[in-house]
Amino acid sequence: MEDILKLILEKVDSLSGDMASMKEDMGSMKSDMGSMKSEIGFMKEDMNSMKSEIGSINKKLEAMDIKIDKIDEKLDDHEANNAERHIEINQRISKIQQDVTALEAITGKNMTDIAILKAVK
């Protein structure tokens, strides 16, 4: 019976050692979890900061989109004005070409008249 008691005592001592080791491991795990909670807190802060920065960037992008739209409108207006001026300039050039052609014909007639008048003298 004494042997059985010794065996039980050894088992209890072994279990006590195992429990102490488990307590130690649990303490270490608690410490690790505390560190993880702290790191998660920092990550949340960083994410909130990033969200704020992204919001600010999005506002700037929206403002830039509005400015680009205004520039596009102005460019369209300038292109329309330039097209109108181009048509007007082409019409003026065509008129000038017609005037030059008429002037050449008149100058040719005048030269003929002058030659006839010189011949008559």
PDB file of N, CA and C in Angstrom:
ATOM      1  N   MET A   1       0.820  -1.170   0.000  1.00  0.00           N
ATOM      2  CA  MET A   1       0.000   0.000   0.000  1.00  0.00           C
ATOM      3  C   MET A   1       0.880   1.257   0.000  1.00  0.00           C
ATOM      4  N   GLU A   2       1.947   1.161   0.713  1.00  0.00           N
ATOM      5  CA  GLU A   2       2.887   2.257   0.739  1.00  0.00           C
ATOM      6  C   GLU A   2       3.405   2.554  -0.662  1.00  0.00           C
ATOM      7  N   ASP A   3       3.616   1.537  -1.424  1.00  0.00           N
ATOM      8  CA  ASP A   3       4.073   1.722  -2.809  1.00  0.00           C
ATOM      9  C   ASP A   3       3.024   2.485  -3.624  1.00  0.00           C
ATOM     10  N   ILE A   4       1.799   2.130  -3.359  1.00  0.00           N
ATOM     11  CA  ILE A   4       0.713   2.788  -4.101  1.00  0.00           C
ATOM     12  C   ILE A   4       0.655   4.258  -3.705  1.00  0.00           C
ATOM     13  N   LEU A   5       0.825   4.529  -2.433  1.00  0.00           N
ATOM     14  CA  LEU A   5       0.790   5.914  -1.967  1.00  0.00           C
ATOM     15  C   LEU A   5       1.963   6.697  -2.554  1.00  0.00           C
ATOM     16  N   LYS A   6       3.129   6.056  -2.615  1.00  0.00           N
ATOM     17  CA  LYS A   6       4.297   6.714  -3.210  1.00  0.00           C
ATOM     18  C   LYS A   6       4.028   7.023  -4.686  1.00  0.00           C
ATOM     19  N   LEU A   7       3.449   6.047  -5.351  1.00  0.00           N
ATOM     20  CA  LEU A   7       3.135   6.220  -6.779  1.00  0.00           C
ATOM     21  C   LEU A   7       2.127   7.344  -6.979  1.00  0.00           C
ATOM     22  N   ILE A   8       1.115   7.371  -6.103  1.00  0.00           N
ATOM     23  CA  ILE A   8       0.102   8.439  -6.195  1.00  0.00           C
ATOM     24  C   ILE A   8       0.759   9.786  -5.911  1.00  0.00           C
ATOM     25  N   LEU A   9       1.625   9.812  -4.913  1.00  0.00           N
ATOM     26  CA  LEU A   9       2.322  11.042  -4.556  1.00  0.00           C
ATOM     27  C   LEU A   9       3.200  11.526  -5.701  1.00  0.00           C
ATOM     28  N   GLU A  10       3.900  10.585  -6.345  1.00  0.00           N
ATOM     29  CA  GLU A  10       4.734  10.946  -7.491  1.00  0.00           C
ATOM     30  C   GLU A  10       3.874  11.521  -8.618  1.00  0.00           C
ATOM     31  N   LYS A  11       2.738  10.893  -8.839  1.00  0.00           N
ATOM     32  CA  LYS A  11       1.834  11.361  -9.897  1.00  0.00           C
ATOM     33  C   LYS A  11       1.303  12.757  -9.555  1.00  0.00           C
ATOM     34  N   VAL A  12       0.956  12.966  -8.303  1.00  0.00           N
ATOM     35  CA  VAL A  12       0.449  14.273  -7.866  1.00  0.00           C
ATOM     36  C   VAL A  12       1.549  15.318  -8.023  1.00  0.00           C
ATOM     37  N   ASP A  13       2.777  14.964  -7.626  1.00  0.00           N
ATOM     38  CA  ASP A  13       3.906  15.891  -7.787  1.00  0.00           C
ATOM     39  C   ASP A  13       4.124  16.211  -9.270  1.00  0.00           C
ATOM     40  N   SER A  14       4.021  15.176 -10.094  1.00  0.00           N
ATOM     41  CA  SER A  14       4.183  15.366 -11.534  1.00  0.00           C
ATOM     42  C   SER A  14       3.091  16.281 -12.078  1.00  0.00           C
ATOM     43  N   LEU A  15       1.859  16.032 -11.622  1.00  0.00           N
ATOM     44  CA  LEU A  15       0.733  16.874 -12.057  1.00  0.00           C
ATOM     45  C   LEU A  15       0.914  18.309 -11.568  1.00  0.00           C
ATOM     46  N   SER A  16       1.426  18.465 -10.363  1.00  0.00           N
ATOM     47  CA  SER A  16       1.666  19.805  -9.817  1.00  0.00           C
ATOM     48  C   SER A  16       2.698  20.544 -10.675  1.00  0.00           C
ATOM     49  N   GLY A  17       3.736  19.817 -11.063  1.00  0.00           N
ATOM     50  CA  GLY A  17       4.763  20.420 -11.936  1.00  0.00           C
ATOM     51  C   GLY A  17       4.176  20.812 -13.287  1.00  0.00           C
ATOM     52  N   ASP A  18       3.355  19.902 -13.821  1.00  0.00           N
ATOM     53  CA  ASP A  18       2.711  20.196 -15.111  1.00  0.00           C
ATOM     54  C   ASP A  18       1.800  21.412 -15.004  1.00  0.00           C
ATOM     55  N   MET A  19       1.069  21.492 -13.881  1.00  0.00           N
ATOM     56  CA  MET A  19       0.160  22.624 -13.686  1.00  0.00           C
ATOM     57  C   MET A  19       0.943  23.928 -13.547  1.00  0.00           C
ATOM     58  N   ALA A  20       2.051  23.877 -12.846  1.00  0.00           N
ATOM     59  CA  ALA A  20       2.885  25.067 -12.687  1.00  0.00           C
ATOM     60  C   ALA A  20       3.409  25.516 -14.049  1.00  0.00           C
ATOM     61  N   SER A  21       3.834  24.519 -14.844  1.00  0.00           N
ATOM     62  CA  SER A  21       4.322  24.821 -16.194  1.00  0.00           C
ATOM     63  C   SER A  21       3.202  25.430 -17.040  1.00  0.00           C
ATOM     64  N   MET A  22       1.965  24.874 -16.891  1.00  0.00           N
ATOM     65  CA  MET A  22       0.824  25.397 -17.645  1.00  0.00           C
ATOM     66  C   MET A  22       0.493  26.828 -17.211  1.00  0.00           C
ATOM     67  N   LYS A  23       0.575  27.079 -15.883  1.00  0.00           N
ATOM     68  CA  LYS A  23       0.330  28.428 -15.374  1.00  0.00           C
ATOM     69  C   LYS A  23       1.350  29.404 -15.965  1.00  0.00           C
ATOM     70  N   GLU A  24       2.584  28.962 -16.009  1.00  0.00           N
ATOM     71  CA  GLU A  24       3.660  29.791 -16.569  1.00  0.00           C
ATOM     72  C   GLU A  24       3.386  30.079 -18.054  1.00  0.00           C
ATOM     73  N   ASP A  25       2.990  29.020 -18.775  1.00  0.00           N
ATOM     74  CA  ASP A  25       2.667  29.188 -20.199  1.00  0.00           C
ATOM     75  C   ASP A  25       1.477  30.129 -20.388  1.00  0.00           C
ATOM     76  N   MET A  26       0.485  29.994 -19.522  1.00  0.00           N
ATOM     77  CA  MET A  26      -0.692  30.857 -19.621  1.00  0.00           C
ATOM     78  C   MET A  26      -0.317  32.307 -19.327  1.00  0.00           C
ATOM     79  N   GLY A  27       0.566  32.505 -18.377  1.00  0.00           N
ATOM     80  CA  GLY A  27       1.034  33.858 -18.073  1.00  0.00           C
ATOM     81  C   GLY A  27       1.740  34.460 -19.280  1.00  0.00           C
ATOM     82  N   SER A  28       2.570  33.643 -19.924  1.00  0.00           N
ATOM     83  CA  SER A  28       3.281  34.088 -21.125  1.00  0.00           C
ATOM     84  C   SER A  28       2.282  34.410 -22.244  1.00  0.00           C
ATOM     85  N   MET A  29       1.254  33.565 -22.373  1.00  0.00           N
ATOM     86  CA  MET A  29       0.238  33.793 -23.393  1.00  0.00           C
ATOM     87  C   MET A  29      -0.538  35.080 -23.118  1.00  0.00           C
ATOM     88  N   LYS A  30      -0.839  35.333 -21.848  1.00  0.00           N
ATOM     89  CA  LYS A  30      -1.534  36.562 -21.472  1.00  0.00           C
ATOM     90  C   LYS A  30      -0.685  37.780 -21.834  1.00  0.00           C
ATOM     91  N   SER A  31       0.586  37.680 -21.562  1.00  0.00           N
ATOM     92  CA  SER A  31       1.503  38.767 -21.885  1.00  0.00           C
ATOM     93  C   SER A  31       1.547  39.001 -23.400  1.00  0.00           C
ATOM     94  N   ASP A  32       1.633  37.892 -24.152  1.00  0.00           N
ATOM     95  CA  ASP A  32       1.645  37.990 -25.618  1.00  0.00           C
ATOM     96  C   ASP A  32       0.348  38.595 -26.129  1.00  0.00           C
ATOM     97  N   MET A  33      -0.771  38.187 -25.531  1.00  0.00           N
ATOM     98  CA  MET A  33      -2.062  38.729 -25.958  1.00  0.00           C
ATOM     99  C   MET A  33      -2.153  40.222 -25.651  1.00  0.00           C
ATOM    100  N   GLY A  34      -1.599  40.620 -24.510  1.00  0.00           N
ATOM    101  CA  GLY A  34      -1.574  42.049 -24.171  1.00  0.00           C
ATOM    102  C   GLY A  34      -0.784  42.836 -25.208  1.00  0.00           C
ATOM    103  N   SER A  35       0.369  42.274 -25.596  1.00  0.00           N
ATOM    104  CA  SER A  35       1.189  42.924 -26.627  1.00  0.00           C
ATOM    105  C   SER A  35       0.429  43.003 -27.947  1.00  0.00           C
ATOM    106  N   MET A  36      -0.266  41.912 -28.279  1.00  0.00           N
ATOM    107  CA  MET A  36      -1.030  41.888 -29.535  1.00  0.00           C
ATOM    108  C   MET A  36      -2.154  42.916 -29.498  1.00  0.00           C
ATOM    109  N   LYS A  37      -2.817  43.043 -28.351  1.00  0.00           N
ATOM    110  CA  LYS A  37      -3.883  44.031 -28.215  1.00  0.00           C
ATOM    111  C   LYS A  37      -3.322  45.437 -28.408  1.00  0.00           C
ATOM    112  N   SER A  38      -2.176  45.667 -27.831  1.00  0.00           N
ATOM    113  CA  SER A  38      -1.531  46.972 -27.975  1.00  0.00           C
ATOM    114  C   SER A  38      -1.190  47.243 -29.434  1.00  0.00           C
ATOM    115  N   GLU A  39      -0.618  46.253 -30.099  1.00  0.00           N
ATOM    116  CA  GLU A  39      -0.266  46.407 -31.517  1.00  0.00           C
ATOM    117  C   GLU A  39      -1.511  46.620 -32.372  1.00  0.00           C
ATOM    118  N   ILE A  40      -2.587  45.900 -32.058  1.00  0.00           N
ATOM    119  CA  ILE A  40      -3.843  46.078 -32.792  1.00  0.00           C
ATOM    120  C   ILE A  40      -4.356  47.496 -32.584  1.00  0.00           C
ATOM    121  N   GLY A  41      -4.225  48.005 -31.366  1.00  0.00           N
ATOM    122  CA  GLY A  41      -4.630  49.394 -31.090  1.00  0.00           C
ATOM    123  C   GLY A  41      -3.847  50.379 -31.955  1.00  0.00           C
ATOM    124  N   PHE A  42      -2.528  50.172 -32.041  1.00  0.00           N
ATOM    125  CA  PHE A  42      -1.704  51.047 -32.885  1.00  0.00           C
ATOM    126  C   PHE A  42      -2.114  50.936 -34.349  1.00  0.00           C
ATOM    127  N   MET A  43      -2.405  49.697 -34.763  1.00  0.00           N
ATOM    128  CA  MET A  43      -2.812  49.490 -36.160  1.00  0.00           C
ATOM    129  C   MET A  43      -4.137  50.197 -36.443  1.00  0.00           C
ATOM    130  N   LYS A  44      -5.057  50.161 -35.482  1.00  0.00           N
ATOM    131  CA  LYS A  44      -6.331  50.862 -35.648  1.00  0.00           C
ATOM    132  C   LYS A  44      -6.098  52.368 -35.779  1.00  0.00           C
ATOM    133  N   GLU A  45      -5.218  52.894 -34.944  1.00  0.00           N
ATOM    134  CA  GLU A  45      -4.902  54.322 -35.024  1.00  0.00           C
ATOM    135  C   GLU A  45      -4.313  54.668 -36.391  1.00  0.00           C
ATOM    136  N   ASP A  46      -3.395  53.826 -36.846  1.00  0.00           N
ATOM    137  CA  ASP A  46      -2.785  54.050 -38.158  1.00  0.00           C
ATOM    138  C   ASP A  46      -3.827  53.989 -39.267  1.00  0.00           C
ATOM    139  N   MET A  47      -4.743  53.025 -39.161  1.00  0.00           N
ATOM    140  CA  MET A  47      -5.785  52.893 -40.182  1.00  0.00           C
ATOM    141  C   MET A  47      -6.707  54.119 -40.176  1.00  0.00           C
ATOM    142  N   ASN A  48      -7.039  54.612 -38.994  1.00  0.00           N
ATOM    143  CA  ASN A  48      -7.878  55.809 -38.913  1.00  0.00           C
ATOM    144  C   ASN A  48      -7.162  57.011 -39.519  1.00  0.00           C
ATOM    145  N   SER A  49      -5.874  57.099 -39.259  1.00  0.00           N
ATOM    146  CA  SER A  49      -5.079  58.179 -39.845  1.00  0.00           C
ATOM    147  C   SER A  49      -5.050  58.060 -41.364  1.00  0.00           C
ATOM    148  N   MET A  50      -4.888  56.827 -41.852  1.00  0.00           N
ATOM    149  CA  MET A  50      -4.866  56.601 -43.300  1.00  0.00           C
ATOM    150  C   MET A  50      -6.220  56.926 -43.922  1.00  0.00           C
ATOM    151  N   LYS A  51      -7.308  56.570 -43.228  1.00  0.00           N
ATOM    152  CA  LYS A  51      -8.643  56.897 -43.728  1.00  0.00           C
ATOM    153  C   LYS A  51      -8.807  58.403 -43.852  1.00  0.00           C
ATOM    154  N   SER A  52      -8.330  59.109 -42.861  1.00  0.00           N
ATOM    155  CA  SER A  52      -8.410  60.572 -42.885  1.00  0.00           C
ATOM    156  C   SER A  52      -7.618  61.141 -44.060  1.00  0.00           C
ATOM    157  N   GLU A  53      -6.409  60.626 -44.254  1.00  0.00           N
ATOM    158  CA  GLU A  53      -5.570  61.090 -45.359  1.00  0.00           C
ATOM    159  C   GLU A  53      -6.211  60.747 -46.707  1.00  0.00           C
ATOM    160  N   ILE A  54      -6.793  59.561 -46.821  1.00  0.00           N
ATOM    161  CA  ILE A  54      -7.458  59.169 -48.065  1.00  0.00           C
ATOM    162  C   ILE A  54      -8.638  60.085 -48.335  1.00  0.00           C
ATOM    163  N   GLY A  55      -9.385  60.421 -47.285  1.00  0.00           N
ATOM    164  CA  GLY A  55     -10.501  61.349 -47.443  1.00  0.00           C
ATOM    165  C   GLY A  55     -10.023  62.698 -47.960  1.00  0.00           C
ATOM    166  N   SER A  56      -8.925  63.178 -47.405  1.00  0.00           N
ATOM    167  CA  SER A  56      -8.350  64.452 -47.838  1.00  0.00           C
ATOM    168  C   SER A  56      -7.894  64.370 -49.296  1.00  0.00           C
ATOM    169  N   ILE A  57      -7.267  63.271 -49.650  1.00  0.00           N
ATOM    170  CA  ILE A  57      -6.798  63.075 -51.032  1.00  0.00           C
ATOM    171  C   ILE A  57      -7.983  63.022 -51.984  1.00  0.00           C
ATOM    172  N   ASN A  58      -9.051  62.330 -51.584  1.00  0.00           N
ATOM    173  CA  ASN A  58     -10.243  62.252 -52.436  1.00  0.00           C
ATOM    174  C   ASN A  58     -10.856  63.628 -52.665  1.00  0.00           C
ATOM    175  N   LYS A  59     -10.878  64.459 -51.618  1.00  0.00           N
ATOM    176  CA  LYS A  59     -11.406  65.823 -51.771  1.00  0.00           C
ATOM    177  C   LYS A  59     -10.554  66.608 -52.763  1.00  0.00           C
ATOM    178  N   LYS A  60      -9.241  66.460 -52.669  1.00  0.00           N
ATOM    179  CA  LYS A  60      -8.351  67.155 -53.592  1.00  0.00           C
ATOM    180  C   LYS A  60      -8.561  66.663 -55.021  1.00  0.00           C
ATOM    181  N   LEU A  61      -8.758  65.362 -55.182  1.00  0.00           N
ATOM    182  CA  LEU A  61      -9.004  64.800 -56.513  1.00  0.00           C
ATOM    183  C   LEU A  61     -10.308  65.331 -57.098  1.00  0.00           C
ATOM    184  N   GLU A  62     -11.332  65.435 -56.258  1.00  0.00           N
ATOM    185  CA  GLU A  62     -12.608  65.971 -56.725  1.00  0.00           C
ATOM    186  C   GLU A  62     -12.446  67.417 -57.173  1.00  0.00           C
ATOM    187  N   ALA A  63     -11.693  68.199 -56.404  1.00  0.00           N
ATOM    188  CA  ALA A  63     -11.446  69.597 -56.774  1.00  0.00           C
ATOM    189  C   ALA A  63     -10.678  69.661 -58.093  1.00  0.00           C
ATOM    190  N   MET A  64      -9.712  68.753 -58.263  1.00  0.00           N
ATOM    191  CA  MET A  64      -8.951  68.733 -59.507  1.00  0.00           C
ATOM    192  C   MET A  64      -9.836  68.332 -60.686  1.00  0.00           C
ATOM    193  N   ASP A  65     -10.747  67.391 -60.470  1.00  0.00           N
ATOM    194  CA  ASP A  65     -11.677  66.992 -61.526  1.00  0.00           C
ATOM    195  C   ASP A  65     -12.524  68.175 -61.970  1.00  0.00           C
ATOM    196  N   ILE A  66     -12.979  68.968 -61.006  1.00  0.00           N
ATOM    197  CA  ILE A  66     -13.789  70.146 -61.328  1.00  0.00           C
ATOM    198  C   ILE A  66     -12.962  71.128 -62.150  1.00  0.00           C
ATOM    199  N   LYS A  67     -11.722  71.350 -61.746  1.00  0.00           N
ATOM    200  CA  LYS A  67     -10.852  72.270 -62.483  1.00  0.00           C
ATOM    201  C   LYS A  67     -10.585  71.759 -63.894  1.00  0.00           C
ATOM    202  N   ILE A  68     -10.361  70.465 -64.018  1.00  0.00           N
ATOM    203  CA  ILE A  68     -10.112  69.882 -65.345  1.00  0.00           C
ATOM    204  C   ILE A  68     -11.346  70.041 -66.228  1.00  0.00           C
ATOM    205  N   ASP A  69     -12.521  69.845 -65.647  1.00  0.00           N
ATOM    206  CA  ASP A  69     -13.751  70.034 -66.418  1.00  0.00           C
ATOM    207  C   ASP A  69     -13.869  71.480 -66.909  1.00  0.00           C
ATOM    208  N   LYS A  70     -13.524  72.432 -66.043  1.00  0.00           N
ATOM    209  CA  LYS A  70     -13.579  73.847 -66.436  1.00  0.00           C
ATOM    210  C   LYS A  70     -12.576  74.133 -67.555  1.00  0.00           C
ATOM    211  N   ILE A  71     -11.391  73.560 -67.442  1.00  0.00           N
ATOM    212  CA  ILE A  71     -10.374  73.750 -68.481  1.00  0.00           C
ATOM    213  C   ILE A  71     -10.858  73.154 -69.799  1.00  0.00           C
ATOM    214  N   ASP A  72     -11.468  71.968 -69.741  1.00  0.00           N
ATOM    215  CA  ASP A  72     -12.013  71.337 -70.952  1.00  0.00           C
ATOM    216  C   ASP A  72     -13.067  72.226 -71.599  1.00  0.00           C
ATOM    217  N   GLU A  73     -13.933  72.832 -70.772  1.00  0.00           N
ATOM    218  CA  GLU A  73     -14.967  73.722 -71.311  1.00  0.00           C
ATOM    219  C   GLU A  73     -14.327  74.930 -72.001  1.00  0.00           C
ATOM    220  N   LYS A  74     -13.332  75.515 -71.353  1.00  0.00           N
ATOM    221  CA  LYS A  74     -12.653  76.671 -71.943  1.00  0.00           C
ATOM    222  C   LYS A  74     -11.957  76.272 -73.246  1.00  0.00           C
ATOM    223  N   LEU A  75     -11.328  75.120 -73.245  1.00  0.00           N
ATOM    224  CA  LEU A  75     -10.647  74.647 -74.444  1.00  0.00           C
ATOM    225  C   LEU A  75     -11.649  74.439 -75.578  1.00  0.00           C
ATOM    226  N   ASP A  76     -12.797  73.861 -75.254  1.00  0.00           N
ATOM    227  CA  ASP A  76     -13.841  73.683 -76.265  1.00  0.00           C
ATOM    228  C   ASP A  76     -14.298  75.032 -76.824  1.00  0.00           C
ATOM    229  N   ASP A  77     -14.451  76.024 -75.942  1.00  0.00           N
ATOM    230  CA  ASP A  77     -14.848  77.363 -76.386  1.00  0.00           C
ATOM    231  C   ASP A  77     -13.793  77.952 -77.317  1.00  0.00           C
ATOM    232  N   HIS A  78     -12.527  77.806 -76.936  1.00  0.00           N
ATOM    233  CA  HIS A  78     -11.441  78.345 -77.768  1.00  0.00           C
ATOM    234  C   HIS A  78     -11.388  77.633 -79.122  1.00  0.00           C
ATOM    235  N   GLU A  79     -11.592  76.334 -79.112  1.00  0.00           N
ATOM    236  CA  GLU A  79     -11.577  75.595 -80.376  1.00  0.00           C
ATOM    237  C   GLU A  79     -12.716  76.056 -81.283  1.00  0.00           C
ATOM    238  N   ALA A  80     -13.877  76.296 -80.703  1.00  0.00           N
ATOM    239  CA  ALA A  80     -15.015  76.781 -81.499  1.00  0.00           C
ATOM    240  C   ALA A  80     -14.713  78.173 -82.065  1.00  0.00           C
ATOM    241  N   ASN A  81     -14.149  79.043 -81.227  1.00  0.00           N
ATOM    242  CA  ASN A  81     -13.796  80.387 -81.685  1.00  0.00           C
ATOM    243  C   ASN A  81     -12.737  80.322 -82.783  1.00  0.00           C
ATOM    244  N   ASN A  82     -11.745  79.464 -82.597  1.00  0.00           N
ATOM    245  CA  ASN A  82     -10.690  79.331 -83.602  1.00  0.00           C
ATOM    246  C   ASN A  82     -11.248  78.794 -84.918  1.00  0.00           C
ATOM    247  N   ALA A  83     -12.202  77.885 -84.829  1.00  0.00           N
ATOM    248  CA  ALA A  83     -12.805  77.344 -86.050  1.00  0.00           C
ATOM    249  C   ALA A  83     -13.548  78.452 -86.797  1.00  0.00           C
ATOM    250  N   GLU A  84     -14.273  79.285 -86.049  1.00  0.00           N
ATOM    251  CA  GLU A  84     -14.985  80.402 -86.678  1.00  0.00           C
ATOM    252  C   GLU A  84     -13.996  81.372 -87.315  1.00  0.00           C
ATOM    253  N   ARG A  85     -12.920  81.689 -86.618  1.00  0.00           N
ATOM    254  CA  ARG A  85     -11.902  82.605 -87.162  1.00  0.00           C
ATOM    255  C   ARG A  85     -11.255  81.994 -88.402  1.00  0.00           C
ATOM    256  N   HIS A  86     -11.000  80.721 -88.385  1.00  0.00           N
ATOM    257  CA  HIS A  86     -10.384  80.035 -89.512  1.00  0.00           C
ATOM    258  C   HIS A  86     -11.281  80.163 -90.755  1.00  0.00           C
ATOM    259  N   ILE A  87     -12.570  79.934 -90.558  1.00  0.00           N
ATOM    260  CA  ILE A  87     -13.514  80.057 -91.682  1.00  0.00           C
ATOM    261  C   ILE A  87     -13.522  81.493 -92.195  1.00  0.00           C
ATOM    262  N   GLU A  88     -13.550  82.458 -91.284  1.00  0.00           N
ATOM    263  CA  GLU A  88     -13.562  83.878 -91.676  1.00  0.00           C
ATOM    264  C   GLU A  88     -12.287  84.253 -92.426  1.00  0.00           C
ATOM    265  N   ILE A  89     -11.145  83.788 -91.930  1.00  0.00           N
ATOM    266  CA  ILE A  89      -9.869  84.084 -92.589  1.00  0.00           C
ATOM    267  C   ILE A  89      -9.829  83.457 -93.983  1.00  0.00           C
ATOM    268  N   ASN A  90     -10.294  82.216 -94.096  1.00  0.00           N
ATOM    269  CA  ASN A  90     -10.333  81.568 -95.411  1.00  0.00           C
ATOM    270  C   ASN A  90     -11.225  82.335 -96.384  1.00  0.00           C
ATOM    271  N   GLN A  91     -12.344  82.843 -95.891  1.00  0.00           N
ATOM    272  CA  GLN A  91     -13.236  83.628 -96.748  1.00  0.00           C
ATOM    273  C   GLN A  91     -12.558  84.928 -97.197  1.00  0.00           C
ATOM    274  N   ARG A  92     -11.862  85.586 -96.291  1.00  0.00           N
ATOM    275  CA  ARG A  92     -11.151  86.826 -96.635  1.00  0.00           C
ATOM    276  C   ARG A  92     -10.051  86.553 -97.664  1.00  0.00           C
ATOM    277  N   ILE A  93      -9.314  85.453 -97.461  1.00  0.00           N
ATOM    278  CA  ILE A  93      -8.252  85.095 -98.416  1.00  0.00           C
ATOM    279  C   ILE A  93      -8.850  84.825 -99.790  1.00  0.00           C
ATOM    280  N   SER A  94      -9.971  84.127 -99.819  1.00  0.00           N
ATOM    281  CA  SER A  94     -10.639  83.836-101.093  1.00  0.00           C
ATOM    282  C   SER A  94     -11.052  85.137-101.786  1.00  0.00           C
ATOM    283  N   LYS A  95     -11.586  86.078-101.008  1.00  0.00           N
ATOM    284  CA  LYS A  95     -12.000  87.385-101.560  1.00  0.00           C
ATOM    285  C   LYS A  95     -10.786  88.140-102.091  1.00  0.00           C
ATOM    286  N   ILE A  96      -9.689  88.113-101.329  1.00  0.00           N
ATOM    287  CA  ILE A  96      -8.467  88.798-101.770  1.00  0.00           C
ATOM    288  C   ILE A  96      -7.947  88.162-103.058  1.00  0.00           C
ATOM    289  N   GLN A  97      -7.995  86.829-103.154  1.00  0.00           N
ATOM    290  CA  GLN A  97      -7.557  86.151-104.380  1.00  0.00           C
ATOM    291  C   GLN A  97      -8.407  86.590-105.578  1.00  0.00           C
ATOM    292  N   GLN A  98      -9.698  86.721-105.358  1.00  0.00           N
ATOM    293  CA  GLN A  98     -10.576  87.179-106.441  1.00  0.00           C
ATOM    294  C   GLN A  98     -10.225  88.606-106.848  1.00  0.00           C
ATOM    295  N   ASP A  99      -9.961  89.469-105.844  1.00  0.00           N
ATOM    296  CA  ASP A  99      -9.598  90.853-106.126  1.00  0.00           C
ATOM    297  C   ASP A  99      -8.276  90.927-106.893  1.00  0.00           C
ATOM    298  N   VAL A 100      -7.303  90.093-106.506  1.00  0.00           N
ATOM    299  CA  VAL A 100      -6.008  90.076-107.193  1.00  0.00           C
ATOM    300  C   VAL A 100      -6.188  89.601-108.637  1.00  0.00           C
ATOM    301  N   THR A 101      -7.029  88.599-108.854  1.00  0.00           N
ATOM    302  CA  THR A 101      -7.283  88.110-110.204  1.00  0.00           C
ATOM    303  C   THR A 101      -7.908  89.216-111.055  1.00  0.00           C
ATOM    304  N   ALA A 102      -8.877  89.924-110.474  1.00  0.00           N
ATOM    305  CA  ALA A 102      -9.519  91.041-111.192  1.00  0.00           C
ATOM    306  C   ALA A 102      -8.495  92.137-111.448  1.00  0.00           C
ATOM    307  N   LEU A 103      -7.654  92.419-110.486  1.00  0.00           N
ATOM    308  CA  LEU A 103      -6.626  93.456-110.636  1.00  0.00           C
ATOM    309  C   LEU A 103      -5.645  93.086-111.753  1.00  0.00           C
ATOM    310  N   GLU A 104      -5.273  91.807-111.818  1.00  0.00           N
ATOM    311  CA  GLU A 104      -4.377  91.356-112.881  1.00  0.00           C
ATOM    312  C   GLU A 104      -5.031  91.562-114.255  1.00  0.00           C
ATOM    313  N   ALA A 105      -6.317  91.239-114.343  1.00  0.00           N
ATOM    314  CA  ALA A 105      -7.025  91.413-115.624  1.00  0.00           C
ATOM    315  C   ALA A 105      -7.091  92.886-115.995  1.00  0.00           C
ATOM    316  N   ILE A 106      -7.408  93.716-115.022  1.00  0.00           N
ATOM    317  CA  ILE A 106      -7.499  95.161-115.295  1.00  0.00           C
ATOM    318  C   ILE A 106      -6.136  95.718-115.676  1.00  0.00           C
ATOM    319  N   THR A 107      -5.090  95.256-114.958  1.00  0.00           N
ATOM    320  CA  THR A 107      -3.731  95.725-115.272  1.00  0.00           C
ATOM    321  C   THR A 107      -3.342  95.302-116.685  1.00  0.00           C
ATOM    322  N   GLY A 108      -3.699  94.104-117.057  1.00  0.00           N
ATOM    323  CA  GLY A 108      -3.410  93.628-118.430  1.00  0.00           C
ATOM    324  C   GLY A 108      -4.137  94.481-119.459  1.00  0.00           C
ATOM    325  N   LYS A 109      -5.389  94.813-119.207  1.00  0.00           N
ATOM    326  CA  LYS A 109      -6.173  95.669-120.120  1.00  0.00           C
ATOM    327  C   LYS A 109      -5.533  97.040-120.215  1.00  0.00           C
ATOM    328  N   ASN A 110      -5.115  97.596-119.060  1.00  0.00           N
ATOM    329  CA  ASN A 110      -4.476  98.918-119.053  1.00  0.00           C
ATOM    330  C   ASN A 110      -3.175  98.904-119.847  1.00  0.00           C
ATOM    331  N   MET A 111      -2.416  97.809-119.717  1.00  0.00           N
ATOM    332  CA  MET A 111      -1.160  97.731-120.472  1.00  0.00           C
ATOM    333  C   MET A 111      -1.453  97.707-121.968  1.00  0.00           C
ATOM    334  N   THR A 112      -2.502  96.998-122.345  1.00  0.00           N
ATOM    335  CA  THR A 112      -2.883  96.952-123.766  1.00  0.00           C
ATOM    336  C   THR A 112      -3.303  98.341-124.238  1.00  0.00           C
ATOM    337  N   ASP A 113      -4.099  99.029-123.437  1.00  0.00           N
ATOM    338  CA  ASP A 113      -4.554 100.378-123.792  1.00  0.00           C
ATOM    339  C   ASP A 113      -3.364 101.327-123.926  1.00  0.00           C
ATOM    340  N   ILE A 114      -2.404 101.213-123.015  1.00  0.00           N
ATOM    341  CA  ILE A 114      -1.227 102.083-123.054  1.00  0.00           C
ATOM    342  C   ILE A 114      -0.417 101.806-124.322  1.00  0.00           C
ATOM    343  N   ALA A 115      -0.275 100.517-124.662  1.00  0.00           N
ATOM    344  CA  ALA A 115       0.463 100.149-125.858  1.00  0.00           C
ATOM    345  C   ALA A 115      -0.221 100.703-127.100  1.00  0.00           C
ATOM    346  N   ILE A 116      -1.554 100.639-127.149  1.00  0.00           N
ATOM    347  CA  ILE A 116      -2.312 101.170-128.297  1.00  0.00           C
ATOM    348  C   ILE A 116      -2.129 102.669-128.378  1.00  0.00           C
ATOM    349  N   LEU A 117      -2.215 103.349-127.207  1.00  0.00           N
ATOM    350  CA  LEU A 117      -2.061 104.800-127.193  1.00  0.00           C
ATOM    351  C   LEU A 117      -0.652 105.209-127.636  1.00  0.00           C
ATOM    352  N   LYS A 118       0.361 104.472-127.251  1.00  0.00           N
ATOM    353  CA  LYS A 118       1.733 104.786-127.653  1.00  0.00           C
ATOM    354  C   LYS A 118       1.889 104.574-129.159  1.00  0.00           C
ATOM    355  N   ALA A 119       1.219 103.532-129.663  1.00  0.00           N
ATOM    356  CA  ALA A 119       1.336 103.222-131.083  1.00  0.00           C
ATOM    357  C   ALA A 119       0.659 104.305-131.909  1.00  0.00           C
ATOM    358  N   VAL A 120      -0.399 104.889-131.394  1.00  0.00           N
ATOM    359  CA  VAL A 120      -1.137 105.919-132.114  1.00  0.00           C
ATOM    360  C   VAL A 120      -0.255 107.178-132.219  1.00  0.00           C
ATOM    361  N   LYS A 121       0.520 107.488-131.315  1.00  0.00           N
ATOM    362  CA  LYS A 121       1.329 108.704-131.333  1.00  0.00           C
ATOM    363  C   LYS A 121       2.272 108.627-132.428  1.00  0.00           C
TER     364      LYS A 121
END
